[in-house]
Amino acid sequence: MYKYDQYDQQMVDTRVEEFRDQVRRRLDGSLTEDQFRPLRLQNGLYLQLHAYMLRVAVPYGTLNSQQMTLLGDIADKYDRGYGHFTTRQNIQYNWIKLEETPDILADLATVEMHAIQTSGNCIRNISSDQYAGAAADEIVDPRPYAELLRQWSSFHPEFLTLPRKFKIAVIASETDRAAMKLHDIGIQMVRNAAGEIGARFFVGGGMGRTPMIGPMIRDFVPLDQLVTYCEACLRVYNRYGRRDNKYKARIKILVHELGKDEYTRQVEEEFAHLLTQDIEPPLAELERIKAHFVDPPFEAGASDDLDLSDPDFRLWVERNCAPHKQAGYIVATVSLKPVGGIPGDATSDQIRLMAKLARDYSFDELRVTHAQNIVFPHVRKADLYAVWKALDEAGLGTANLDMVGDIIACPGLDYCSLANARSIPVAQKISERFGSAEKQAEIGELKLKISGCINACGHHHAGHIGILGVDKKGTENYQLLFGGSEGADTSLGQITGPGFDEEGIVAAVETTTNVYLRERQQGERFLDTYRRIGMAPFKEALYG
């Protein structure tokens, strides 16, 4: 994984000291809250309902054991003994004291971490495929390109005050595990007819109040023009994006209102101009970055055999593990969704245990996923049972990846000042209702996602079943959506009809799955059945 050079470390250390002074001035009254707000947001610090929340950046979701251990220690020292892993591959702490935030940032800097640009109207954490560098279906490891863009976008003077926040994802396979088309810029690394590696660009995707799927605006950008093309996309947005209305400020609105063709024309025009300015870093810099992402020293001839005599282990392997590009190895996902648990939460002890297991069994590497889980990307099959056993004893052995119990949920009204409704209790009740291994096996793949407000931090638009919490005359109400998908077959969920109260939405999910089980054909997922039969049978069962 990438290691800081002197410039990275100096940048982070300098920011810590700047923020320490800003916090001191806020505490002594020299800065008002209005003056302090943009400063704290630049450092990932939010003021939520009950306390400050700190969001820590995890670039493209990759961590080593030393970093993961520190995240567990921070949870004990500065929070209430847990951390919350997010859909942006970051981690959040929900009970932070303002006077201690500079110390947290200083601790993070000792392991090459920070909270810079995890909030505010800037380019946020660059995300990627959680299986990057391990997936059997990728053409290259996408993380070097994500890292190049991270370096380009960090403190970019032109893009630090954009019309609104800006999100970029980079993938390198036909299987989209990063919701790439639902980003402001989605980049897919591809090969052209000549076999050369380049980038396919999708621009103008996003969820929130006005969900849109990003259209493809260029099918191939050469590697020596990647940063320049990104710059062109951002420049057109920065020039014309709405700053007078935050609800219309995202790039998806600009692309929609200009039209894909006109936006593309302006990007190409800006791109041609930028090519004359020679702003692209040399390919030697990309090669330098790539050297940090070489394959670990896999054991040649490692056995591909797995002893699946333990039925619980066999179930976990079937559901939570994926093929690895190297014979004798496997990709293992740790579900942070135990039955009745809070999606994405892990205790400090669990975080430190995952760090230890990664150090001992996964070449010192972990990944945070968009679905609020953790991945060990490189586990020897001979070690897999020991890994699962340790996880299971710590409450981390749940076998539910991509099942109805693997729920994505934002913190909702329990924490967030923007939320209209609670997400966590709904997720817990649905998890308990469908918690048995037998019930989940019967239903099969079903991605359920819950947001506590229209901002869609729980990705409800992209759920096979989505739930959106709204405020209905002072009462929490939950809308039900069907048909969303964040994969290569990206689609947006459609609202079924009137919403439900908290108990009613749990019952509605059960009614929905019953219709699916009645109507499905051989081999169909919920999403397949819904797309085949449409909304009508579900609405009839839900509303009569």
Protein backbone atom coordinates (compact mmCIF):
# COMPACT_ATOMS: atom_id res chain seq x y z
CA MET A 1 0.00 0.00 0.00
CA TYR A 2 1.04 3.62 -0.45
CA LYS A 3 3.53 5.10 2.00
CA TYR A 4 3.80 8.82 2.69
CA ASP A 5 6.78 10.69 1.34
CA GLN A 6 8.19 13.81 3.03
CA TYR A 7 5.62 16.04 1.32
CA ASP A 8 2.63 13.97 2.44
CA GLN A 9 3.84 13.89 6.03
CA GLN A 10 4.68 17.59 6.14
CA MET A 11 1.28 18.45 4.68
CA VAL A 12 -0.54 16.44 7.34
CA ASP A 13 1.64 17.61 10.26
CA THR A 14 1.24 21.25 9.22
CA ARG A 15 -2.53 20.89 9.02
CA VAL A 16 -2.62 19.43 12.55
CA GLU A 17 -0.84 22.47 13.99
CA GLU A 18 -3.03 24.87 12.01
CA PHE A 19 -6.14 23.23 13.38
CA ARG A 20 -4.76 23.14 16.92
CA ASP A 21 -4.49 26.92 16.78
CA GLN A 22 -7.96 27.26 15.27
CA VAL A 23 -9.50 25.14 18.04
CA ARG A 24 -7.66 27.16 20.69
CA ARG A 25 -9.11 30.36 19.24
CA ARG A 26 -12.61 28.87 19.08
CA LEU A 27 -12.42 27.78 22.72
CA ASP A 28 -11.21 31.18 23.94
CA GLY A 29 -13.88 32.99 21.92
CA SER A 30 -11.58 34.57 19.35
CA LEU A 31 -13.48 32.71 16.63
CA THR A 32 -17.28 32.57 16.45
CA GLU A 33 -19.02 29.36 15.42
CA ASP A 34 -19.80 30.90 12.02
CA GLN A 35 -16.09 31.67 11.54
CA PHE A 36 -15.00 28.28 12.85
CA ARG A 37 -17.46 26.16 10.88
CA PRO A 38 -15.63 26.18 7.51
CA LEU A 39 -12.33 25.54 9.31
CA ARG A 40 -13.59 22.49 11.20
CA LEU A 41 -15.33 21.11 8.11
CA GLN A 42 -12.04 21.23 6.23
CA ASN A 43 -10.77 18.86 8.91
CA GLY A 44 -13.69 16.45 8.89
CA LEU A 45 -15.32 17.73 12.08
CA TYR A 46 -19.13 18.01 12.17
CA LEU A 47 -21.37 19.31 14.95
CA GLN A 48 -24.20 16.79 15.23
CA LEU A 49 -27.17 16.41 17.54
CA HIS A 50 -25.32 15.44 20.71
CA ALA A 51 -21.62 15.97 20.11
CA TYR A 52 -18.98 16.56 17.49
CA MET A 53 -18.41 13.82 14.91
CA LEU A 54 -14.99 13.30 13.33
CA ARG A 55 -14.73 11.58 9.95
CA VAL A 56 -11.32 10.05 9.22
CA ALA A 57 -10.20 9.53 5.63
CA VAL A 58 -9.33 6.03 4.44
CA PRO A 59 -8.17 6.59 0.83
CA TYR A 60 -9.72 3.97 -1.48
CA GLY A 61 -10.57 1.99 1.67
CA THR A 62 -7.06 0.59 2.26
CA LEU A 63 -5.56 0.25 5.76
CA ASN A 64 -2.67 -1.58 7.38
CA SER A 65 -2.74 -3.17 10.83
CA GLN A 66 -0.93 -0.29 12.52
CA GLN A 67 -3.52 2.17 11.24
CA MET A 68 -6.41 -0.11 12.13
CA THR A 69 -5.03 -0.64 15.64
CA LEU A 70 -4.83 3.11 16.16
CA LEU A 71 -8.45 3.48 15.02
CA GLY A 72 -9.42 1.08 17.81
CA ASP A 73 -7.29 2.97 20.31
CA ILE A 74 -8.89 6.29 19.28
CA ALA A 75 -12.31 4.75 19.90
CA ASP A 76 -11.27 3.98 23.49
CA LYS A 77 -9.32 7.14 24.23
CA TYR A 78 -11.55 9.77 22.64
CA ASP A 79 -14.95 8.16 21.97
CA ARG A 80 -17.18 5.57 23.64
CA GLY A 81 -15.35 2.43 22.61
CA TYR A 82 -16.53 2.00 19.03
CA GLY A 83 -16.17 3.41 15.52
CA HIS A 84 -18.64 3.59 12.65
CA PHE A 85 -17.46 2.53 9.17
CA THR A 86 -19.18 4.46 6.40
CA THR A 87 -20.38 4.04 2.82
CA ARG A 88 -17.48 6.27 1.67
CA GLN A 89 -14.93 3.73 2.98
CA ASN A 90 -14.11 6.02 5.93
CA ILE A 91 -14.59 5.73 9.70
CA GLN A 92 -16.52 8.15 11.93
CA TYR A 93 -16.41 8.80 15.66
CA ASN A 94 -19.67 10.15 17.06
CA TRP A 95 -18.80 11.42 20.55
CA ILE A 96 -15.79 13.72 20.11
CA LYS A 97 -14.83 16.64 22.39
CA LEU A 98 -13.74 19.73 20.51
CA GLU A 99 -10.71 20.36 22.71
CA GLU A 100 -9.39 16.85 21.97
CA THR A 101 -9.70 16.92 18.18
CA PRO A 102 -6.17 18.30 17.54
CA ASP A 103 -4.74 15.44 19.61
CA ILE A 104 -6.75 12.91 17.57
CA LEU A 105 -5.44 14.40 14.33
CA ALA A 106 -1.89 14.34 15.73
CA ASP A 107 -2.29 10.66 16.64
CA LEU A 108 -3.60 9.91 13.14
CA ALA A 109 -0.63 11.67 11.58
CA THR A 110 1.76 9.25 13.31
CA VAL A 111 0.34 6.42 11.15
CA GLU A 112 -0.07 8.40 7.91
CA MET A 113 -3.75 9.23 8.34
CA HIS A 114 -5.82 12.41 8.52
CA ALA A 115 -9.35 13.85 8.21
CA ILE A 116 -8.58 16.40 5.48
CA GLN A 117 -11.28 16.90 2.83
CA THR A 118 -13.68 14.41 4.40
CA SER A 119 -16.24 17.21 4.49
CA GLY A 120 -16.86 20.60 2.92
CA ASN A 121 -17.35 21.63 -0.69
CA CYS A 122 -14.24 19.95 -2.02
CA ILE A 123 -13.12 16.69 -3.62
CA ARG A 124 -13.80 14.07 -0.96
CA ASN A 125 -12.05 10.78 -0.22
CA ILE A 126 -11.32 8.96 -3.50
CA SER A 127 -13.01 5.57 -3.31
CA SER A 128 -12.43 2.30 -5.14
CA ASP A 129 -13.19 -1.41 -5.35
CA GLN A 130 -12.66 -3.09 -1.97
CA TYR A 131 -11.29 -6.15 -3.80
CA ALA A 132 -8.70 -4.08 -5.70
CA GLY A 133 -5.41 -5.89 -6.23
CA ALA A 134 -6.99 -9.23 -5.32
CA ALA A 135 -10.03 -9.61 -7.57
CA ALA A 136 -9.87 -12.31 -10.19
CA ASP A 137 -11.86 -10.18 -12.65
CA GLU A 138 -9.93 -6.89 -12.69
CA ILE A 139 -7.66 -5.85 -15.57
CA VAL A 140 -5.33 -3.81 -13.31
CA ASP A 141 -5.23 -2.71 -9.69
CA PRO A 142 -7.24 0.56 -9.72
CA ARG A 143 -5.67 1.94 -6.53
CA PRO A 144 -2.54 3.51 -8.10
CA TYR A 145 -4.83 5.64 -10.26
CA ALA A 146 -6.97 6.51 -7.23
CA GLU A 147 -3.79 7.46 -5.37
CA LEU A 148 -2.64 9.67 -8.24
CA LEU A 149 -5.99 11.45 -8.11
CA ARG A 150 -5.77 11.73 -4.31
CA GLN A 151 -2.46 13.55 -4.63
CA TRP A 152 -3.80 15.77 -7.42
CA SER A 153 -6.97 16.67 -5.49
CA SER A 154 -5.47 17.24 -2.03
CA PHE A 155 -5.38 21.01 -1.41
CA HIS A 156 -5.95 21.69 -5.11
CA PRO A 157 -6.23 25.49 -4.98
CA GLU A 158 -8.85 25.72 -7.70
CA PHE A 159 -11.17 23.08 -6.25
CA LEU A 160 -11.17 23.71 -2.50
CA THR A 161 -14.39 25.76 -2.64
CA LEU A 162 -16.53 24.01 -5.21
CA PRO A 163 -20.29 24.66 -5.54
CA ARG A 164 -20.84 21.45 -3.51
CA LYS A 165 -19.03 18.35 -2.30
CA PHE A 166 -17.51 16.18 -5.02
CA LYS A 167 -17.02 12.41 -5.08
CA ILE A 168 -14.85 10.27 -7.38
CA ALA A 169 -14.67 6.46 -7.65
CA VAL A 170 -12.18 4.35 -9.61
CA ILE A 171 -12.73 0.71 -10.60
CA ALA A 172 -10.99 -1.71 -12.99
CA SER A 173 -13.43 -4.53 -13.72
CA GLU A 174 -16.77 -5.00 -15.42
CA THR A 175 -18.22 -5.87 -12.02
CA ASP A 176 -18.87 -2.55 -10.33
CA ARG A 177 -18.34 -2.96 -6.58
CA ALA A 178 -18.00 0.79 -5.93
CA ALA A 179 -21.31 2.28 -7.18
CA MET A 180 -19.16 4.04 -9.78
CA LYS A 181 -22.01 5.42 -11.90
CA LEU A 182 -23.58 7.05 -8.83
CA HIS A 183 -20.57 9.32 -8.29
CA ASP A 184 -19.88 12.84 -9.52
CA ILE A 185 -17.09 11.27 -11.57
CA GLY A 186 -16.88 7.52 -12.07
CA ILE A 187 -13.73 6.17 -13.70
CA GLN A 188 -13.43 2.66 -15.08
CA MET A 189 -9.96 1.50 -16.09
CA VAL A 190 -10.26 -0.31 -19.44
CA ARG A 191 -8.24 -1.64 -22.37
CA ASN A 192 -8.74 -0.27 -25.88
CA ALA A 193 -8.59 -2.28 -29.09
CA ALA A 194 -4.79 -1.96 -29.10
CA GLY A 195 -4.57 -3.45 -25.61
CA GLU A 196 -3.57 -0.15 -23.98
CA ILE A 197 -4.80 0.74 -20.49
CA GLY A 198 -6.86 3.90 -20.21
CA ALA A 199 -9.89 5.36 -18.44
CA ARG A 200 -13.59 5.47 -19.28
CA PHE A 201 -15.34 8.48 -17.74
CA PHE A 202 -18.87 8.67 -16.34
CA VAL A 203 -19.89 12.12 -15.04
CA GLY A 204 -22.96 13.45 -13.27
CA GLY A 205 -24.12 10.58 -11.11
CA GLY A 206 -25.29 10.87 -7.55
CA MET A 207 -28.01 10.11 -5.03
CA GLY A 208 -29.57 12.54 -2.56
CA ARG A 209 -32.55 14.75 -3.33
CA THR A 210 -32.27 14.27 -7.11
CA PRO A 211 -30.76 10.85 -7.85
CA MET A 212 -29.15 10.39 -11.28
CA ILE A 213 -27.04 7.79 -13.04
CA GLY A 214 -23.91 9.31 -14.53
CA PRO A 215 -23.72 9.05 -18.33
CA MET A 216 -20.50 8.02 -20.07
CA ILE A 217 -18.90 11.08 -21.64
CA ARG A 218 -15.65 9.50 -22.94
CA ASP A 219 -14.88 5.86 -23.55
CA PHE A 220 -11.08 6.14 -23.44
CA VAL A 221 -8.66 8.62 -21.91
CA PRO A 222 -4.96 7.68 -22.20
CA LEU A 223 -3.08 7.27 -18.92
CA ASP A 224 -0.85 10.25 -19.67
CA GLN A 225 -3.96 12.47 -19.84
CA LEU A 226 -5.94 11.11 -16.87
CA VAL A 227 -5.38 14.02 -14.47
CA THR A 228 -5.84 16.55 -17.25
CA TYR A 229 -9.24 15.13 -18.18
CA CYS A 230 -10.33 15.14 -14.54
CA GLU A 231 -9.24 18.75 -14.31
CA ALA A 232 -11.31 19.62 -17.38
CA CYS A 233 -14.41 17.97 -15.89
CA LEU A 234 -13.96 19.89 -12.63
CA ARG A 235 -13.23 23.20 -14.32
CA VAL A 236 -16.47 23.20 -16.29
CA TYR A 237 -18.39 22.32 -13.13
CA ASN A 238 -16.58 24.91 -11.02
CA ARG A 239 -17.28 27.55 -13.64
CA TYR A 240 -20.99 26.93 -14.12
CA GLY A 241 -22.19 24.97 -11.07
CA ARG A 242 -24.93 26.68 -9.08
CA ARG A 243 -23.73 28.45 -5.93
CA ASP A 244 -27.00 30.25 -5.25
CA ASN A 245 -28.99 27.08 -4.48
CA LYS A 246 -27.39 24.17 -2.61
CA TYR A 247 -30.10 21.80 -3.82
CA LYS A 248 -29.09 22.47 -7.43
CA ALA A 249 -25.35 22.76 -6.87
CA ARG A 250 -24.17 19.21 -7.62
CA ILE A 251 -22.56 18.39 -10.95
CA LYS A 252 -25.42 16.00 -11.76
CA ILE A 253 -27.73 19.03 -12.01
CA LEU A 254 -25.32 20.83 -14.32
CA VAL A 255 -24.94 17.80 -16.60
CA HIS A 256 -28.71 17.31 -16.63
CA GLU A 257 -29.51 20.97 -17.39
CA LEU A 258 -26.80 21.48 -20.00
CA GLY A 259 -27.40 18.03 -21.41
CA LYS A 260 -24.76 15.32 -21.67
CA ASP A 261 -23.68 16.41 -25.16
CA GLU A 262 -23.19 20.08 -24.32
CA TYR A 263 -21.41 19.32 -21.05
CA THR A 264 -19.14 16.90 -22.91
CA ARG A 265 -18.46 19.49 -25.61
CA GLN A 266 -17.36 22.02 -23.01
CA VAL A 267 -15.20 19.44 -21.21
CA GLU A 268 -13.51 18.48 -24.48
CA GLU A 269 -12.89 22.14 -25.27
CA GLU A 270 -11.38 22.72 -21.83
CA PHE A 271 -9.40 19.48 -22.14
CA ALA A 272 -7.86 20.61 -25.45
CA HIS A 273 -6.85 23.89 -23.82
CA LEU A 274 -5.33 22.17 -20.78
CA LEU A 275 -3.28 19.84 -22.98
CA THR A 276 -1.42 22.92 -24.18
CA GLN A 277 -0.64 23.85 -20.56
CA ASP A 278 1.21 20.59 -19.78
CA ILE A 279 -0.32 20.10 -16.32
CA GLU A 280 -0.18 16.29 -16.38
CA PRO A 281 2.31 14.67 -13.98
CA PRO A 282 4.91 12.57 -15.82
CA LEU A 283 4.16 8.88 -16.25
CA ALA A 284 7.23 8.27 -14.10
CA GLU A 285 5.20 9.56 -11.15
CA LEU A 286 2.45 7.03 -11.87
CA GLU A 287 5.09 4.30 -12.06
CA ARG A 288 6.50 5.47 -8.70
CA ILE A 289 3.04 5.16 -7.17
CA LYS A 290 2.47 1.75 -8.77
CA ALA A 291 5.56 0.43 -7.01
CA HIS A 292 3.69 0.80 -3.71
CA PHE A 293 0.96 -1.57 -4.93
CA VAL A 294 2.93 -4.60 -6.05
CA ASP A 295 1.54 -8.02 -5.16
CA PRO A 296 2.51 -9.34 -1.73
CA PRO A 297 4.84 -12.39 -1.62
CA PHE A 298 2.23 -15.05 -2.26
CA GLU A 299 3.22 -18.61 -1.46
CA ALA A 300 3.88 -20.49 -4.68
CA GLY A 301 1.87 -23.68 -4.89
CA ALA A 302 -0.37 -22.85 -1.92
CA SER A 303 -3.12 -25.43 -1.57
CA ASP A 304 -6.55 -24.66 -3.00
CA ASP A 305 -8.21 -27.15 -0.67
CA LEU A 306 -10.62 -26.08 2.07
CA ASP A 307 -11.93 -28.32 4.82
CA LEU A 308 -15.63 -27.44 4.88
CA SER A 309 -16.72 -30.09 7.37
CA ASP A 310 -17.81 -27.40 9.85
CA PRO A 311 -21.24 -26.33 8.48
CA ASP A 312 -21.07 -22.82 9.98
CA PHE A 313 -17.66 -22.25 8.40
CA ARG A 314 -18.89 -23.63 5.08
CA LEU A 315 -21.82 -21.20 5.10
CA TRP A 316 -19.49 -18.27 5.84
CA VAL A 317 -17.16 -19.28 3.01
CA GLU A 318 -20.07 -19.57 0.59
CA ARG A 319 -21.50 -16.18 1.50
CA ASN A 320 -18.62 -13.99 2.62
CA CYS A 321 -15.67 -15.09 0.48
CA ALA A 322 -14.78 -14.30 -3.13
CA PRO A 323 -12.30 -15.75 -5.65
CA HIS A 324 -8.74 -14.45 -5.57
CA LYS A 325 -6.53 -13.95 -8.60
CA GLN A 326 -3.81 -16.08 -6.92
CA ALA A 327 -4.27 -19.83 -6.57
CA GLY A 328 -4.42 -20.94 -2.94
CA TYR A 329 -5.78 -17.59 -1.69
CA ILE A 330 -9.22 -16.10 -1.11
CA VAL A 331 -10.84 -12.72 -0.41
CA ALA A 332 -12.73 -12.73 2.90
CA THR A 333 -15.31 -10.17 4.00
CA VAL A 334 -16.01 -9.50 7.67
CA SER A 335 -19.65 -8.54 8.16
CA LEU A 336 -20.22 -5.67 10.59
CA LYS A 337 -23.93 -6.59 10.58
CA PRO A 338 -24.59 -9.13 13.35
CA VAL A 339 -28.24 -9.93 13.91
CA GLY A 340 -29.73 -6.99 15.79
CA GLY A 341 -26.53 -4.96 15.52
CA ILE A 342 -25.90 -1.42 14.29
CA PRO A 343 -24.71 -1.58 10.66
CA GLY A 344 -21.09 -0.47 10.29
CA ASP A 345 -20.28 -0.28 13.99
CA ALA A 346 -17.31 -2.13 15.48
CA THR A 347 -16.04 -2.01 19.05
CA SER A 348 -12.47 -1.00 19.80
CA ASP A 349 -11.61 -4.61 20.66
CA GLN A 350 -13.13 -5.84 17.39
CA ILE A 351 -11.19 -3.22 15.44
CA ARG A 352 -7.92 -4.26 17.07
CA LEU A 353 -8.70 -7.94 16.49
CA MET A 354 -9.26 -7.30 12.78
CA ALA A 355 -5.93 -5.46 12.73
CA LYS A 356 -4.16 -8.44 14.28
CA LEU A 357 -5.76 -10.91 11.90
CA ALA A 358 -4.78 -8.76 8.93
CA ARG A 359 -1.19 -8.61 10.16
CA ASP A 360 -1.02 -12.35 10.75
CA TYR A 361 -3.04 -13.67 7.82
CA SER A 362 -3.60 -10.99 5.12
CA PHE A 363 -0.18 -9.46 4.42
CA ASP A 364 -0.95 -6.61 6.82
CA GLU A 365 -3.81 -5.22 4.75
CA LEU A 366 -7.52 -4.49 5.27
CA ARG A 367 -10.18 -2.74 3.23
CA VAL A 368 -13.28 -0.79 4.24
CA THR A 369 -16.20 -1.47 1.88
CA HIS A 370 -19.03 0.72 0.56
CA ALA A 371 -21.40 -1.65 2.34
CA GLN A 372 -19.87 -0.83 5.76
CA ASN A 373 -17.94 -4.08 6.10
CA ILE A 374 -14.24 -4.98 6.29
CA VAL A 375 -12.26 -7.10 3.82
CA PHE A 376 -9.15 -9.21 4.28
CA PRO A 377 -7.96 -9.17 0.65
CA HIS A 378 -5.25 -11.85 0.68
CA VAL A 379 -5.94 -14.85 2.95
CA ARG A 380 -4.29 -18.21 2.37
CA LYS A 381 -6.99 -20.85 2.14
CA ALA A 382 -5.00 -22.93 4.61
CA ASP A 383 -5.43 -20.10 7.17
CA LEU A 384 -9.06 -19.28 6.48
CA TYR A 385 -10.60 -21.47 9.17
CA ALA A 386 -8.38 -19.94 11.87
CA VAL A 387 -9.38 -16.46 10.68
CA TRP A 388 -13.08 -17.28 10.75
CA LYS A 389 -12.84 -18.96 14.15
CA ALA A 390 -11.26 -15.86 15.69
CA LEU A 391 -13.84 -13.61 14.04
CA ASP A 392 -16.75 -15.78 15.12
CA GLU A 393 -15.62 -15.79 18.75
CA ALA A 394 -15.57 -11.97 18.63
CA GLY A 395 -19.07 -11.64 17.13
CA LEU A 396 -17.72 -10.94 13.65
CA GLY A 397 -18.45 -14.24 11.95
CA THR A 398 -21.92 -13.50 10.58
CA ALA A 399 -22.48 -15.09 7.17
CA ASN A 400 -24.76 -12.59 5.44
CA LEU A 401 -22.88 -10.72 2.70
CA ASP A 402 -25.36 -9.29 0.16
CA MET A 403 -28.24 -10.91 2.03
CA VAL A 404 -31.21 -9.17 3.64
CA GLY A 405 -29.29 -8.97 6.95
CA ASP A 406 -26.34 -7.14 5.35
CA ILE A 407 -28.14 -3.81 5.70
CA ILE A 408 -26.56 -0.46 4.85
CA ALA A 409 -27.82 2.29 7.17
CA CYS A 410 -26.77 5.85 7.93
CA PRO A 411 -26.63 7.01 11.60
CA GLY A 412 -30.00 8.73 11.12
CA LEU A 413 -31.80 10.78 13.73
CA ASP A 414 -29.99 9.05 16.59
CA TYR A 415 -26.96 11.21 15.73
CA CYS A 416 -27.36 13.35 12.61
CA SER A 417 -28.76 16.88 12.76
CA LEU A 418 -29.88 16.62 9.12
CA ALA A 419 -31.95 13.46 9.56
CA ASN A 420 -35.74 13.29 9.63
CA ALA A 421 -36.05 9.76 11.00
CA ARG A 422 -34.07 7.05 12.75
CA SER A 423 -32.35 4.46 10.61
CA ILE A 424 -30.66 2.31 13.24
CA PRO A 425 -33.76 0.89 15.03
CA VAL A 426 -35.36 0.02 11.69
CA ALA A 427 -32.21 -1.78 10.55
CA GLN A 428 -32.04 -3.68 13.84
CA LYS A 429 -35.68 -4.78 13.71
CA ILE A 430 -35.42 -5.94 10.08
CA SER A 431 -32.20 -7.78 10.92
CA GLU A 432 -33.91 -9.56 13.78
CA ARG A 433 -37.00 -10.39 11.70
CA PHE A 434 -34.86 -12.02 9.00
CA GLY A 435 -31.95 -13.07 11.19
CA SER A 436 -32.02 -16.82 10.81
CA ALA A 437 -29.61 -18.44 8.39
CA GLU A 438 -32.50 -20.47 6.97
CA LYS A 439 -34.63 -17.41 6.21
CA GLN A 440 -31.76 -15.58 4.55
CA ALA A 441 -30.88 -18.66 2.52
CA GLU A 442 -34.49 -18.89 1.35
CA ILE A 443 -34.54 -15.27 0.21
CA GLY A 444 -31.05 -15.21 -1.32
CA GLU A 445 -29.33 -12.05 -2.54
CA LEU A 446 -31.26 -8.97 -1.46
CA LYS A 447 -29.53 -5.64 -0.83
CA LEU A 448 -31.47 -3.48 1.62
CA LYS A 449 -30.41 0.12 2.27
CA ILE A 450 -31.80 2.70 4.69
CA SER A 451 -31.40 6.49 4.82
CA GLY A 452 -32.73 8.74 7.56
CA CYS A 453 -33.20 11.68 5.19
CA ILE A 454 -33.19 12.69 1.54
CA ASN A 455 -29.40 13.18 1.55
CA ALA A 456 -29.17 9.40 1.00
CA CYS A 457 -26.08 8.60 3.08
CA GLY A 458 -27.57 5.10 3.38
CA HIS A 459 -27.78 4.78 -0.44
CA HIS A 460 -31.49 3.93 -0.35
CA HIS A 461 -31.89 4.81 -4.05
CA ALA A 462 -29.51 1.95 -4.92
CA GLY A 463 -31.09 -0.74 -2.75
CA HIS A 464 -32.95 -3.69 -4.20
CA ILE A 465 -35.20 -2.59 -1.36
CA GLY A 466 -34.63 0.98 -0.19
CA ILE A 467 -36.09 2.73 2.83
CA LEU A 468 -36.18 6.50 3.19
CA GLY A 469 -37.06 8.15 6.49
CA VAL A 470 -39.09 11.36 6.15
CA ASP A 471 -40.83 13.76 8.51
CA LYS A 472 -44.60 13.58 8.09
CA LYS A 473 -46.22 16.29 10.19
CA GLY A 474 -43.72 15.81 13.00
CA THR A 475 -43.86 12.01 12.87
CA GLU A 476 -41.19 9.65 11.55
CA ASN A 477 -42.43 8.02 8.37
CA TYR A 478 -40.69 5.53 6.08
CA GLN A 479 -41.04 5.35 2.32
CA LEU A 480 -40.39 2.03 0.58
CA LEU A 481 -38.51 1.82 -2.74
CA PHE A 482 -37.89 -1.14 -5.07
CA GLY A 483 -35.53 -1.85 -7.92
CA GLY A 484 -32.34 0.04 -7.16
CA SER A 485 -28.90 -1.31 -7.99
CA GLU A 486 -25.40 0.12 -7.68
CA GLY A 487 -23.66 -2.46 -9.88
CA ALA A 488 -22.91 -2.60 -13.59
CA ASP A 489 -26.70 -2.71 -14.11
CA THR A 490 -27.14 0.54 -12.18
CA SER A 491 -30.75 1.55 -11.58
CA LEU A 492 -32.65 3.84 -9.23
CA GLY A 493 -35.31 2.59 -6.85
CA GLN A 494 -38.94 3.65 -7.31
CA ILE A 495 -41.23 4.64 -4.42
CA THR A 496 -44.04 2.14 -3.90
CA GLY A 497 -46.63 4.52 -2.46
CA PRO A 498 -47.57 5.96 0.97
CA GLY A 499 -45.05 5.47 3.76
CA PHE A 500 -45.23 3.45 6.96
CA ASP A 501 -44.47 3.95 10.62
CA GLU A 502 -41.55 2.13 12.25
CA GLU A 503 -43.37 -1.12 12.91
CA GLY A 504 -45.21 -0.90 9.63
CA ILE A 505 -42.06 -0.62 7.52
CA VAL A 506 -40.67 -3.82 9.04
CA ALA A 507 -43.91 -5.62 8.24
CA ALA A 508 -43.86 -4.11 4.74
CA VAL A 509 -40.44 -5.58 4.07
CA GLU A 510 -41.74 -8.99 5.13
CA THR A 511 -44.78 -8.62 2.89
CA THR A 512 -42.48 -7.68 0.03
CA THR A 513 -40.26 -10.71 0.46
CA ASN A 514 -43.30 -12.97 0.64
CA VAL A 515 -44.48 -11.68 -2.75
CA TYR A 516 -41.02 -12.28 -4.16
CA LEU A 517 -40.88 -15.84 -2.83
CA ARG A 518 -44.28 -16.52 -4.34
CA GLU A 519 -43.53 -15.02 -7.75
CA ARG A 520 -39.86 -15.78 -8.39
CA GLN A 521 -38.69 -18.15 -11.07
CA GLN A 522 -35.77 -20.55 -10.83
CA GLY A 523 -32.51 -18.74 -10.08
CA GLU A 524 -33.99 -15.26 -9.77
CA ARG A 525 -32.80 -12.73 -7.22
CA PHE A 526 -35.31 -10.30 -5.74
CA LEU A 527 -34.10 -7.66 -8.20
CA ASP A 528 -34.63 -9.99 -11.16
CA THR A 529 -38.16 -10.86 -10.10
CA TYR A 530 -39.06 -7.21 -9.50
CA ARG A 531 -37.75 -6.21 -12.92
CA ARG A 532 -39.74 -9.00 -14.56
CA ILE A 533 -43.11 -8.57 -12.85
CA GLY A 534 -43.00 -4.87 -12.02
CA MET A 535 -44.42 -2.94 -9.10
CA ALA A 536 -48.10 -3.95 -9.33
CA PRO A 537 -48.08 -7.29 -7.44
CA PHE A 538 -46.08 -5.74 -4.61
CA LYS A 539 -48.35 -2.69 -4.34
CA GLU A 540 -51.42 -4.92 -4.25
CA ALA A 541 -49.98 -6.87 -1.34
CA LEU A 542 -48.79 -3.76 0.50
CA TYR A 543 -51.81 -1.49 0.04
CA GLY A 544 -54.67 -3.73 -1.14
